[in-house]
N, C-alpha and C. Protein backbone atom coordinates (compact mmCIF):
# COMPACT_ATOMS: atom_id res chain seq x y z
N VAL A 1 -122.90 238.42 121.08
CA VAL A 1 -124.00 237.66 120.49
C VAL A 1 -124.79 238.57 119.57
N ARG A 2 -125.04 238.10 118.38
CA ARG A 2 -125.85 238.88 117.43
C ARG A 2 -126.78 237.97 116.66
N LEU A 3 -128.00 238.47 116.47
CA LEU A 3 -128.97 237.88 115.56
C LEU A 3 -129.42 238.99 114.64
N VAL A 4 -129.17 238.85 113.36
CA VAL A 4 -129.48 239.92 112.41
C VAL A 4 -130.45 239.40 111.37
N GLU A 5 -131.67 239.93 111.41
CA GLU A 5 -132.69 239.55 110.43
C GLU A 5 -132.55 240.40 109.17
N SER A 6 -132.91 239.81 108.05
CA SER A 6 -132.94 240.52 106.78
C SER A 6 -133.98 239.87 105.88
N GLY A 7 -134.29 240.57 104.78
CA GLY A 7 -135.21 240.01 103.80
C GLY A 7 -136.61 240.56 103.85
N GLY A 8 -136.89 241.41 104.82
CA GLY A 8 -138.22 242.00 104.89
C GLY A 8 -138.41 243.05 103.81
N GLY A 9 -139.63 243.55 103.71
CA GLY A 9 -139.93 244.57 102.72
C GLY A 9 -141.41 244.64 102.43
N LEU A 10 -141.72 245.32 101.34
CA LEU A 10 -143.10 245.49 100.89
C LEU A 10 -143.39 244.47 99.79
N VAL A 11 -144.49 243.77 99.93
CA VAL A 11 -144.87 242.76 98.94
C VAL A 11 -146.39 242.80 98.77
N GLN A 12 -146.84 242.48 97.58
CA GLN A 12 -148.28 242.46 97.32
C GLN A 12 -148.90 241.19 97.88
N PRO A 13 -150.19 241.25 98.18
CA PRO A 13 -150.88 240.03 98.62
C PRO A 13 -150.70 238.90 97.61
N GLY A 14 -150.45 237.70 98.12
CA GLY A 14 -150.18 236.56 97.26
C GLY A 14 -148.71 236.37 96.94
N GLY A 15 -147.90 237.33 97.27
CA GLY A 15 -146.47 237.27 96.98
C GLY A 15 -145.69 236.46 98.01
N SER A 16 -144.38 236.44 97.82
CA SER A 16 -143.49 235.66 98.69
C SER A 16 -142.31 236.50 99.15
N LEU A 17 -141.79 236.14 100.29
CA LEU A 17 -140.56 236.70 100.82
C LEU A 17 -139.81 235.59 101.55
N ARG A 18 -138.50 235.71 101.60
CA ARG A 18 -137.70 234.82 102.43
C ARG A 18 -136.91 235.65 103.41
N LEU A 19 -137.16 235.45 104.68
CA LEU A 19 -136.41 236.11 105.73
C LEU A 19 -135.22 235.25 106.11
N SER A 20 -134.14 235.94 106.48
CA SER A 20 -132.95 235.27 106.99
C SER A 20 -132.59 235.85 108.34
N CYS A 21 -131.99 235.02 109.16
CA CYS A 21 -131.49 235.48 110.46
C CYS A 21 -130.10 234.89 110.63
N ALA A 22 -129.11 235.77 110.58
CA ALA A 22 -127.72 235.35 110.71
C ALA A 22 -127.28 235.48 112.16
N ALA A 23 -126.73 234.40 112.69
CA ALA A 23 -126.34 234.35 114.09
C ALA A 23 -124.83 234.36 114.24
N SER A 24 -124.36 234.96 115.31
CA SER A 24 -122.93 234.95 115.62
C SER A 24 -122.74 235.12 117.12
N GLY A 25 -121.61 234.64 117.61
CA GLY A 25 -121.29 234.84 119.01
C GLY A 25 -121.72 233.72 119.94
N PHE A 26 -122.33 232.69 119.39
CA PHE A 26 -122.72 231.54 120.19
C PHE A 26 -122.76 230.31 119.30
N THR A 27 -122.87 229.15 119.91
CA THR A 27 -122.87 227.90 119.15
C THR A 27 -124.27 227.64 118.61
N PHE A 28 -124.47 228.08 117.40
CA PHE A 28 -125.79 228.08 116.76
C PHE A 28 -126.45 226.71 116.80
N SER A 29 -125.69 225.67 116.56
CA SER A 29 -126.27 224.32 116.45
C SER A 29 -126.80 223.79 117.78
N ASN A 30 -126.52 224.49 118.87
CA ASN A 30 -127.02 224.08 120.18
C ASN A 30 -128.32 224.76 120.57
N TYR A 31 -128.87 225.54 119.66
CA TYR A 31 -130.03 226.36 119.99
C TYR A 31 -131.22 226.03 119.09
N ALA A 32 -132.39 225.95 119.72
CA ALA A 32 -133.62 225.97 118.95
C ALA A 32 -133.79 227.38 118.39
N MET A 33 -134.35 227.47 117.20
CA MET A 33 -134.55 228.77 116.56
C MET A 33 -136.02 228.99 116.28
N ASN A 34 -136.47 230.19 116.57
CA ASN A 34 -137.87 230.55 116.40
C ASN A 34 -138.01 231.84 115.60
N TRP A 35 -139.13 231.95 114.93
CA TRP A 35 -139.54 233.21 114.31
C TRP A 35 -140.82 233.68 115.03
N TYR A 36 -140.81 234.94 115.41
CA TYR A 36 -141.98 235.58 116.01
C TYR A 36 -142.36 236.77 115.13
N ARG A 37 -143.55 237.28 115.37
CA ARG A 37 -143.94 238.52 114.71
C ARG A 37 -144.81 239.34 115.66
N GLN A 38 -144.79 240.63 115.41
CA GLN A 38 -145.61 241.54 116.19
C GLN A 38 -146.21 242.59 115.27
N ALA A 39 -147.51 242.59 115.20
CA ALA A 39 -148.24 243.57 114.41
C ALA A 39 -148.59 244.76 115.29
N PRO A 40 -148.83 245.93 114.70
CA PRO A 40 -149.17 247.10 115.50
C PRO A 40 -150.38 246.85 116.39
N GLY A 41 -150.23 247.16 117.66
CA GLY A 41 -151.32 247.01 118.60
C GLY A 41 -151.59 245.60 119.06
N LYS A 42 -150.74 244.66 118.65
CA LYS A 42 -150.96 243.26 119.02
C LYS A 42 -149.75 242.73 119.78
N GLU A 43 -149.96 241.61 120.47
CA GLU A 43 -148.87 240.98 121.18
C GLU A 43 -147.97 240.21 120.22
N ARG A 44 -146.74 240.05 120.63
CA ARG A 44 -145.81 239.25 119.83
C ARG A 44 -146.27 237.80 119.85
N GLU A 45 -146.23 237.15 118.70
CA GLU A 45 -146.70 235.77 118.61
C GLU A 45 -145.67 234.89 117.92
N LEU A 46 -145.65 233.63 118.32
CA LEU A 46 -144.79 232.66 117.69
C LEU A 46 -145.33 232.29 116.32
N VAL A 47 -144.48 232.35 115.33
CA VAL A 47 -144.87 232.00 113.97
C VAL A 47 -144.39 230.60 113.62
N ALA A 48 -143.10 230.33 113.87
CA ALA A 48 -142.53 229.03 113.51
C ALA A 48 -141.35 228.75 114.43
N ALA A 49 -141.11 227.46 114.65
CA ALA A 49 -140.02 227.05 115.52
C ALA A 49 -139.35 225.82 114.95
N MET A 50 -138.07 225.71 115.20
CA MET A 50 -137.32 224.55 114.74
C MET A 50 -136.33 224.14 115.83
N SER A 51 -136.20 222.85 116.06
CA SER A 51 -135.27 222.34 117.05
C SER A 51 -133.83 222.57 116.60
N SER A 52 -132.91 222.34 117.51
CA SER A 52 -131.50 222.60 117.22
C SER A 52 -130.97 221.77 116.06
N THR A 53 -131.48 220.56 115.94
CA THR A 53 -131.03 219.67 114.86
C THR A 53 -131.83 219.85 113.58
N GLY A 54 -132.94 220.56 113.68
CA GLY A 54 -133.83 220.70 112.53
C GLY A 54 -134.81 219.57 112.37
N GLY A 55 -134.79 218.63 113.31
CA GLY A 55 -135.65 217.47 113.18
C GLY A 55 -137.09 217.68 113.59
N SER A 56 -137.37 218.80 114.24
CA SER A 56 -138.72 219.07 114.73
C SER A 56 -139.09 220.50 114.40
N THR A 57 -140.31 220.69 113.91
CA THR A 57 -140.80 222.02 113.60
C THR A 57 -142.20 222.21 114.17
N HIS A 58 -142.54 223.49 114.33
CA HIS A 58 -143.88 223.84 114.81
C HIS A 58 -144.28 225.14 114.11
N TYR A 59 -145.56 225.21 113.75
CA TYR A 59 -146.07 226.42 113.08
C TYR A 59 -147.36 226.89 113.75
N ALA A 60 -147.53 228.19 113.75
CA ALA A 60 -148.83 228.74 114.14
C ALA A 60 -149.86 228.31 113.10
N ASP A 61 -151.08 228.09 113.55
CA ASP A 61 -152.13 227.64 112.63
C ASP A 61 -152.32 228.62 111.47
N SER A 62 -152.14 229.90 111.75
CA SER A 62 -152.39 230.92 110.74
C SER A 62 -151.39 230.90 109.59
N VAL A 63 -150.25 230.22 109.76
CA VAL A 63 -149.24 230.22 108.70
C VAL A 63 -148.93 228.83 108.18
N LYS A 64 -149.55 227.81 108.76
CA LYS A 64 -149.28 226.44 108.30
C LYS A 64 -149.53 226.33 106.80
N VAL A 65 -148.70 225.59 106.14
CA VAL A 65 -148.74 225.35 104.69
C VAL A 65 -148.10 226.52 103.94
N ARG A 66 -148.30 227.74 104.40
CA ARG A 66 -147.80 228.90 103.67
C ARG A 66 -146.35 229.23 104.02
N PHE A 67 -145.95 229.03 105.28
CA PHE A 67 -144.60 229.39 105.73
C PHE A 67 -143.78 228.13 105.99
N THR A 68 -142.48 228.23 105.76
CA THR A 68 -141.57 227.12 106.04
C THR A 68 -140.32 227.64 106.73
N ILE A 69 -140.02 227.06 107.88
CA ILE A 69 -138.78 227.40 108.59
C ILE A 69 -137.71 226.39 108.22
N SER A 70 -136.48 226.87 108.08
CA SER A 70 -135.36 225.97 107.81
C SER A 70 -134.11 226.58 108.43
N ARG A 71 -133.08 225.78 108.54
CA ARG A 71 -131.83 226.29 109.11
C ARG A 71 -130.66 225.62 108.43
N ASP A 72 -129.56 226.36 108.41
CA ASP A 72 -128.30 225.85 107.88
C ASP A 72 -127.27 226.03 108.99
N ASN A 73 -127.00 224.98 109.70
CA ASN A 73 -126.08 225.08 110.84
C ASN A 73 -124.64 225.39 110.39
N ALA A 74 -124.31 225.07 109.17
CA ALA A 74 -122.98 225.40 108.66
C ALA A 74 -122.83 226.91 108.41
N LYS A 75 -123.94 227.56 108.13
CA LYS A 75 -123.94 229.00 107.87
C LYS A 75 -124.46 229.82 109.06
N ASN A 76 -124.81 229.13 110.14
CA ASN A 76 -125.35 229.82 111.32
C ASN A 76 -126.53 230.72 110.96
N THR A 77 -127.42 230.19 110.15
CA THR A 77 -128.53 231.00 109.64
C THR A 77 -129.83 230.20 109.69
N VAL A 78 -130.89 230.89 110.07
CA VAL A 78 -132.23 230.33 110.01
C VAL A 78 -133.05 231.15 109.02
N TYR A 79 -133.94 230.48 108.34
CA TYR A 79 -134.73 231.11 107.29
C TYR A 79 -136.23 230.95 107.57
N LEU A 80 -136.98 231.85 106.99
CA LEU A 80 -138.44 231.72 106.99
C LEU A 80 -138.92 232.04 105.59
N GLN A 81 -139.33 231.00 104.88
CA GLN A 81 -139.92 231.19 103.55
C GLN A 81 -141.40 231.44 103.73
N MET A 82 -141.86 232.57 103.20
CA MET A 82 -143.25 232.97 103.36
C MET A 82 -143.89 233.08 101.99
N ASN A 83 -144.89 232.25 101.76
CA ASN A 83 -145.62 232.25 100.48
C ASN A 83 -147.07 232.64 100.70
N SER A 84 -147.73 232.98 99.62
CA SER A 84 -149.16 233.34 99.67
C SER A 84 -149.43 234.35 100.78
N LEU A 85 -148.63 235.39 100.79
CA LEU A 85 -148.74 236.37 101.88
C LEU A 85 -150.07 237.11 101.84
N LYS A 86 -150.54 237.41 103.05
CA LYS A 86 -151.81 238.11 103.23
C LYS A 86 -151.56 239.42 103.99
N SER A 87 -152.51 240.32 103.91
CA SER A 87 -152.35 241.60 104.60
C SER A 87 -152.16 241.39 106.11
N GLU A 88 -152.80 240.36 106.63
CA GLU A 88 -152.67 240.10 108.06
C GLU A 88 -151.31 239.55 108.48
N ASP A 89 -150.45 239.27 107.51
CA ASP A 89 -149.08 238.87 107.82
C ASP A 89 -148.19 240.09 108.06
N THR A 90 -148.70 241.27 107.83
CA THR A 90 -147.92 242.49 108.06
C THR A 90 -147.53 242.60 109.53
N ALA A 91 -146.23 242.72 109.77
CA ALA A 91 -145.72 242.77 111.13
C ALA A 91 -144.21 242.96 111.09
N VAL A 92 -143.64 243.19 112.25
CA VAL A 92 -142.20 243.09 112.41
C VAL A 92 -141.89 241.65 112.80
N TYR A 93 -140.97 241.04 112.08
CA TYR A 93 -140.60 239.65 112.30
C TYR A 93 -139.26 239.58 113.03
N TYR A 94 -139.24 238.77 114.08
CA TYR A 94 -138.06 238.62 114.91
C TYR A 94 -137.60 237.16 114.93
N CYS A 95 -136.30 236.97 114.98
CA CYS A 95 -135.82 235.62 115.25
C CYS A 95 -135.34 235.54 116.69
N ARG A 96 -135.39 234.34 117.21
CA ARG A 96 -135.07 234.08 118.60
C ARG A 96 -134.28 232.78 118.68
N ALA A 97 -133.22 232.80 119.45
CA ALA A 97 -132.41 231.62 119.70
C ALA A 97 -132.51 231.30 121.18
N ARG A 98 -132.82 230.05 121.49
CA ARG A 98 -132.95 229.71 122.90
C ARG A 98 -132.52 228.29 123.17
N ASN A 99 -131.96 228.09 124.36
CA ASN A 99 -131.76 226.76 124.90
C ASN A 99 -132.08 226.82 126.38
N TYR A 100 -131.66 225.84 127.14
CA TYR A 100 -132.06 225.81 128.56
C TYR A 100 -131.45 226.96 129.35
N ASP A 101 -130.33 227.50 128.88
CA ASP A 101 -129.60 228.49 129.66
C ASP A 101 -129.73 229.91 129.12
N TYR A 102 -129.88 230.06 127.81
CA TYR A 102 -129.81 231.39 127.21
C TYR A 102 -130.96 231.63 126.24
N ASP A 103 -131.20 232.92 126.02
CA ASP A 103 -132.33 233.33 125.19
C ASP A 103 -131.94 234.64 124.51
N TYR A 104 -131.84 234.63 123.17
CA TYR A 104 -131.40 235.80 122.43
C TYR A 104 -132.44 236.19 121.40
N TRP A 105 -132.56 237.50 121.17
CA TRP A 105 -133.49 238.04 120.18
C TRP A 105 -132.77 238.93 119.19
N GLY A 106 -133.27 238.93 117.97
CA GLY A 106 -132.82 239.89 116.99
C GLY A 106 -133.60 241.19 117.09
N GLN A 107 -133.25 242.14 116.23
CA GLN A 107 -133.88 243.47 116.26
C GLN A 107 -135.15 243.54 115.41
N GLY A 108 -135.33 242.57 114.54
CA GLY A 108 -136.55 242.52 113.75
C GLY A 108 -136.39 243.09 112.35
N THR A 109 -137.27 242.63 111.47
CA THR A 109 -137.34 243.14 110.11
C THR A 109 -138.82 243.32 109.75
N GLN A 110 -139.11 244.44 109.11
CA GLN A 110 -140.50 244.78 108.80
C GLN A 110 -140.96 244.05 107.54
N VAL A 111 -142.11 243.44 107.63
CA VAL A 111 -142.79 242.85 106.47
C VAL A 111 -144.13 243.54 106.31
N THR A 112 -144.35 244.11 105.14
CA THR A 112 -145.61 244.79 104.86
C THR A 112 -146.23 244.16 103.62
N VAL A 113 -147.45 243.69 103.77
CA VAL A 113 -148.18 243.07 102.67
C VAL A 113 -149.32 244.01 102.30
N SER A 114 -149.19 244.60 101.12
CA SER A 114 -150.15 245.62 100.73
C SER A 114 -150.10 245.85 99.23
N THR A 115 -151.23 246.33 98.70
CA THR A 115 -151.25 246.73 97.30
C THR A 115 -150.74 248.16 97.14
């Protein structure tokens, strides 16, 4: 089982990034997919979530309107489009795949929002 995040980096405030999480080793379409983040000195928090079919989404209040989660079950990939980035969005971003039986995490990708 692998979850590999990519797309992180350094971006100026107001900029955009798109994170990807490529999954392998399990039946991707049977899993809800989530994005979490953890900033230095803070607890890991849920940023966005999407059901296995993509029919249901949830966002943290701090990212609503600015971030969009999507998934392509044919490509076994989940995305996080991040717009209007702020310094407080700086964190390591992780993807998570879960269903009733299993729970998998990626290794994370660093997002830094700074001038």
